C-alpha atoms as a PDB file:
ATOM      1  CA  MET A   1      68.745  72.033 114.836  1.00  0.00           C
ATOM      2  CA  LYS A   2      65.551  73.953 115.367  1.00  0.00           C
ATOM      3  CA  ASP A   3      67.526  77.026 116.428  1.00  0.00           C
ATOM      4  CA  LEU A   4      69.574  76.836 113.205  1.00  0.00           C
ATOM      5  CA  ARG A   5      66.416  76.790 111.093  1.00  0.00           C
ATOM      6  CA  LEU A   6      65.066  79.815 112.922  1.00  0.00           C
ATOM      7  CA  LEU A   7      68.382  81.596 112.449  1.00  0.00           C
ATOM      8  CA  LEU A   8      68.457  80.863 108.701  1.00  0.00           C
ATOM      9  CA  ARG A   9      64.937  82.290 108.276  1.00  0.00           C
ATOM     10  CA  LYS A  10      66.224  85.738 109.231  1.00  0.00           C
ATOM     11  CA  ARG A  11      66.945  87.890 106.217  1.00  0.00           C
ATOM     12  CA  THR A  12      70.071  89.515 107.704  1.00  0.00           C
ATOM     13  CA  VAL A  13      71.706  86.144 108.361  1.00  0.00           C
ATOM     14  CA  ARG A  14      71.022  84.962 104.804  1.00  0.00           C
ATOM     15  CA  ILE A  15      72.466  88.176 103.369  1.00  0.00           C
ATOM     16  CA  LEU A  16      75.624  87.753 105.461  1.00  0.00           C
ATOM     17  CA  LEU A  17      76.010  84.120 104.371  1.00  0.00           C
ATOM     18  CA  PHE A  18      75.589  84.989 100.686  1.00  0.00           C
ATOM     19  CA  GLY A  19      78.038  87.877 101.105  1.00  0.00           C
ATOM     20  CA  ALA A  20      80.643  85.594 102.702  1.00  0.00           C
ATOM     21  CA  ALA A  21      80.166  83.019  99.922  1.00  0.00           C
ATOM     22  CA  GLY A  22      80.558  85.778  97.319  1.00  0.00           C
ATOM     23  CA  LEU A  23      83.791  86.982  98.902  1.00  0.00           C
ATOM     24  CA  LEU A  24      85.182  83.449  98.911  1.00  0.00           C
ATOM     25  CA  LEU A  25      84.275  83.047  95.240  1.00  0.00           C
ATOM     26  CA  LEU A  26      85.814  86.421  94.391  1.00  0.00           C
ATOM     27  CA  GLY A  27      89.021  85.428  96.190  1.00  0.00           C
ATOM     28  CA  ALA A  28      89.211  82.157  94.272  1.00  0.00           C
ATOM     29  CA  VAL A  29      88.676  83.904  90.930  1.00  0.00           C
ATOM     30  CA  TRP A  30      91.313  86.527  91.798  1.00  0.00           C
ATOM     31  CA  ARG A  31      93.824  83.838  92.719  1.00  0.00           C
ATOM     32  CA  VAL A  32      93.272  81.880  89.498  1.00  0.00           C
ATOM     33  CA  PHE A  33      93.179  84.745  86.986  1.00  0.00           C
ATOM     34  CA  PHE A  34      95.154  87.582  88.538  1.00  0.00           C
ATOM     35  CA  SER A  35      97.914  85.916  90.530  1.00  0.00           C
ATOM     36  CA  GLU A  36     101.549  85.975  89.491  1.00  0.00           C
ATOM     37  CA  PRO A  37     102.083  83.562  86.553  1.00  0.00           C
ATOM     38  CA  TYR A  38     105.532  82.420  87.641  1.00  0.00           C
ATOM     39  CA  PRO A  39     106.525  81.143  91.065  1.00  0.00           C
ATOM     40  CA  SER A  40     108.016  84.031  93.003  1.00  0.00           C
ATOM     41  CA  GLY A  41     110.399  81.707  94.847  1.00  0.00           C
ATOM     42  CA  TYR A  42     112.538  81.083  91.737  1.00  0.00           C
ATOM     43  CA  ASP A  43     115.706  83.154  91.494  1.00  0.00           C
ATOM     44  CA  GLU A  44     117.460  83.315  88.161  1.00  0.00           C
ATOM     45  CA  THR A  45     121.043  82.058  88.310  1.00  0.00           C
ATOM     46  CA  GLN A  46     123.965  84.008  86.910  1.00  0.00           C
ATOM     47  CA  ALA A  47     124.346  81.551  84.023  1.00  0.00           C
ATOM     48  CA  GLU A  48     120.660  81.873  83.130  1.00  0.00           C
ATOM     49  CA  ALA A  49     120.879  85.670  83.225  1.00  0.00           C
ATOM     50  CA  ARG A  50     123.971  85.671  81.005  1.00  0.00           C
ATOM     51  CA  ILE A  51     122.378  83.390  78.399  1.00  0.00           C
ATOM     52  CA  SER A  52     119.152  85.447  78.468  1.00  0.00           C
ATOM     53  CA  ALA A  53     121.124  88.646  77.881  1.00  0.00           C
ATOM     54  CA  MET A  54     123.070  86.997  75.059  1.00  0.00           C
ATOM     55  CA  LEU A  55     119.875  85.776  73.370  1.00  0.00           C
ATOM     56  CA  GLU A  56     118.232  89.201  73.598  1.00  0.00           C
ATOM     57  CA  ARG A  57     121.086  90.674  71.544  1.00  0.00           C
ATOM     58  CA  VAL A  58     120.164  88.461  68.576  1.00  0.00           C
ATOM     59  CA  GLU A  59     117.885  89.884  65.899  1.00  0.00           C
ATOM     60  CA  GLY A  60     114.318  88.591  66.164  1.00  0.00           C
ATOM     61  CA  ILE A  61     114.574  87.566  69.823  1.00  0.00           C
ATOM     62  CA  GLU A  62     113.133  89.721  72.590  1.00  0.00           C
ATOM     63  CA  ASP A  63     112.575  89.182  76.302  1.00  0.00           C
ATOM     64  CA  ALA A  64     114.210  85.760  76.603  1.00  0.00           C
ATOM     65  CA  SER A  65     113.916  83.737  79.818  1.00  0.00           C
ATOM     66  CA  VAL A  66     116.174  80.757  80.401  1.00  0.00           C
ATOM     67  CA  MET A  67     115.931  77.926  82.916  1.00  0.00           C
ATOM     68  CA  ILE A  68     118.801  75.479  83.239  1.00  0.00           C
ATOM     69  CA  VAL A  69     118.073  72.031  84.646  1.00  0.00           C
ATOM     70  CA  GLU A  70     121.046  70.573  86.473  1.00  0.00           C
ATOM     71  CA  GLU A  71     121.851  67.156  87.903  1.00  0.00           C
ATOM     72  CA  GLU A  72     124.840  66.770  90.200  1.00  0.00           C
ATOM     73  CA  GLY A  73     125.962  70.309  89.356  1.00  0.00           C
ATOM     74  CA  LYS A  74     126.051  69.768  85.597  1.00  0.00           C
ATOM     75  CA  PRO A  75     123.535  71.162  83.094  1.00  0.00           C
ATOM     76  CA  VAL A  76     121.491  68.403  81.490  1.00  0.00           C
ATOM     77  CA  SER A  77     118.796  70.416  79.736  1.00  0.00           C
ATOM     78  CA  CYS A  78     117.571  73.940  79.148  1.00  0.00           C
ATOM     79  CA  ILE A  79     114.242  75.662  78.573  1.00  0.00           C
ATOM     80  CA  VAL A  80     114.040  78.960  76.699  1.00  0.00           C
ATOM     81  CA  VAL A  81     110.885  81.070  76.495  1.00  0.00           C
ATOM     82  CA  TYR A  82     111.080  84.161  74.307  1.00  0.00           C
ATOM     83  CA  ARG A  83     109.078  86.822  72.527  1.00  0.00           C
ATOM     84  CA  GLY A  84     109.856  87.846  68.988  1.00  0.00           C
ATOM     85  CA  GLU A  85     109.828  86.289  65.557  1.00  0.00           C
ATOM     86  CA  ASP A  86     108.458  82.780  65.307  1.00  0.00           C
ATOM     87  CA  SER A  87     110.826  81.615  62.620  1.00  0.00           C
ATOM     88  CA  ILE A  88     113.049  78.622  62.117  1.00  0.00           C
ATOM     89  CA  LEU A  89     116.076  80.912  61.985  1.00  0.00           C
ATOM     90  CA  SER A  90     115.293  82.423  65.412  1.00  0.00           C
ATOM     91  CA  ARG A  91     114.757  78.985  66.931  1.00  0.00           C
ATOM     92  CA  MET A  92     117.998  77.656  65.403  1.00  0.00           C
ATOM     93  CA  ARG A  93     119.924  80.616  66.778  1.00  0.00           C
ATOM     94  CA  ILE A  94     118.494  79.972  70.236  1.00  0.00           C
ATOM     95  CA  LEU A  95     119.407  76.280  70.004  1.00  0.00           C
ATOM     96  CA  ASP A  96     122.948  77.090  68.875  1.00  0.00           C
ATOM     97  CA  ILE A  97     123.593  79.694  71.562  1.00  0.00           C
ATOM     98  CA  ALA A  98     122.085  77.743  74.470  1.00  0.00           C
ATOM     99  CA  SER A  99     123.663  74.398  73.564  1.00  0.00           C
ATOM    100  CA  SER A 100     127.090  75.991  72.984  1.00  0.00           C
ATOM    101  CA  ALA A 101     127.006  78.004  76.199  1.00  0.00           C
ATOM    102  CA  LEU A 102     125.982  75.007  78.304  1.00  0.00           C
ATOM    103  CA  HIS A 103     127.936  72.299  76.414  1.00  0.00           C
ATOM    104  CA  ILE A 104     124.815  70.182  75.935  1.00  0.00           C
ATOM    105  CA  ALA A 105     123.221  68.607  72.858  1.00  0.00           C
ATOM    106  CA  LYS A 106     120.718  70.709  70.925  1.00  0.00           C
ATOM    107  CA  GLU A 107     118.106  68.014  71.562  1.00  0.00           C
ATOM    108  CA  LYS A 108     118.276  68.915  75.258  1.00  0.00           C
ATOM    109  CA  VAL A 109     117.172  72.521  74.619  1.00  0.00           C
ATOM    110  CA  GLN A 110     113.434  73.245  74.568  1.00  0.00           C
ATOM    111  CA  VAL A 111     112.375  76.495  72.853  1.00  0.00           C
ATOM    112  CA  TYR A 112     108.954  78.108  73.316  1.00  0.00           C
ATOM    113  CA  LEU A 113     107.454  81.296  71.952  1.00  0.00           C
ATOM    114  CA  SER A 114     105.768  83.409  74.621  1.00  0.00           C
END
């Protein structure tokens, strides 16, 4: 214990400890604010890609991302995130296209503006 106190009194050791703490803090900040926003392990399915491409052809909808939630191999719900116009007409078009393509009720489709 006495040796530790003597070691911590040295200026070089304190500078190294503060530097290490700063690097850890910098790493934590980088991970929170500059990491990839979406999990990289998620691969878009063919059905999701087809619906995204179909939505992007509609006026007022840009850069659409679709995620289909399945249970026992059947789609039960869908999430759509898009950029573009935030209008009722755009949202209704998204609901119509996604629910028709997946044969699910419109209530099972969630639509979010990016």
